[in-house]
Amino acid sequence: MEYLLLGAFVLFMNVIPAFMPPTWMVLVFFFLTFKLSPIPVVLIGALSATLGRITLYSLARYKFLPHL
């Protein structure tokens, strides 16, 4: 359950990056607070951050650059 929460939060904060903490801080917070295994935390964090940035790019391109 904590891994799902981690993935959702990292995805959300990369889709809306304004006034959010750096991703590594969130990963360390979840790692230390919930006593999670480091390998899944890093993999889930990297995948969620990448998907969040791809989503941000897609939304920005659709909204602000529709002719490209």
Protein backbone atom coordinates (compact mmCIF):
# COMPACT_ATOMS: atom_id res chain seq x y z
CA MET A 1 0.00 0.00 0.00
CA GLU A 2 2.84 2.38 0.81
CA TYR A 3 4.44 1.70 -2.57
CA LEU A 4 1.19 2.61 -4.33
CA LEU A 5 0.98 5.82 -2.31
CA LEU A 6 4.60 6.60 -3.16
CA GLY A 7 4.01 6.08 -6.86
CA ALA A 8 0.85 8.18 -6.90
CA PHE A 9 2.41 11.04 -4.97
CA VAL A 10 5.57 11.16 -7.10
CA LEU A 11 3.47 11.04 -10.28
CA PHE A 12 1.24 13.86 -9.03
CA MET A 13 4.12 16.07 -7.96
CA ASN A 14 5.81 15.68 -11.35
CA VAL A 15 2.64 16.52 -13.27
CA ILE A 16 2.21 19.69 -11.18
CA PRO A 17 5.82 20.60 -10.29
CA ALA A 18 5.19 24.16 -8.99
CA PHE A 19 6.01 24.53 -5.28
CA MET A 20 6.72 20.82 -4.85
CA PRO A 21 9.80 19.38 -3.13
CA PRO A 22 12.46 17.58 -5.17
CA THR A 23 11.67 13.97 -5.98
CA TRP A 24 14.66 12.63 -4.09
CA MET A 25 13.39 14.24 -0.87
CA VAL A 26 10.04 12.49 -1.22
CA LEU A 27 11.75 9.17 -1.90
CA VAL A 28 13.94 9.53 1.19
CA PHE A 29 10.93 10.57 3.28
CA PHE A 30 8.95 7.48 2.24
CA PHE A 31 12.00 5.24 2.68
CA LEU A 32 12.66 6.43 6.21
CA THR A 33 9.07 6.90 7.39
CA PHE A 34 7.58 3.62 6.17
CA LYS A 35 10.78 1.52 6.41
CA LEU A 36 10.55 0.48 2.75
CA SER A 37 13.10 -1.46 0.74
CA PRO A 38 15.43 0.88 -1.21
CA ILE A 39 15.39 -0.90 -4.60
CA PRO A 40 11.59 -0.76 -5.10
CA VAL A 41 11.53 2.83 -3.81
CA VAL A 42 14.06 3.91 -6.42
CA LEU A 43 12.42 1.96 -9.25
CA ILE A 44 8.89 3.14 -8.44
CA GLY A 45 10.13 6.69 -7.94
CA ALA A 46 11.98 6.78 -11.25
CA LEU A 47 9.09 5.25 -13.18
CA SER A 48 6.51 7.55 -11.58
CA ALA A 49 8.65 10.65 -12.08
CA THR A 50 9.20 9.77 -15.73
CA LEU A 51 5.50 9.13 -16.33
CA GLY A 52 4.64 12.38 -14.56
CA ARG A 53 7.02 14.39 -16.71
CA ILE A 54 5.73 12.72 -19.89
CA THR A 55 2.18 13.57 -18.82
CA LEU A 56 3.21 17.17 -18.08
CA TYR A 57 4.83 17.42 -21.51
CA SER A 58 1.78 15.98 -23.24
CA LEU A 59 -0.61 18.33 -21.44
CA ALA A 60 1.56 21.36 -22.12
CA ARG A 61 1.95 20.46 -25.76
CA TYR A 62 -1.78 19.92 -26.20
CA LYS A 63 -2.70 23.11 -24.33
CA PHE A 64 -0.02 25.58 -25.45
CA LEU A 65 1.44 24.16 -28.67
CA PRO A 66 -1.42 22.39 -30.46
CA HIS A 67 0.00 23.04 -33.95
CA LEU A 68 3.24 21.08 -33.36
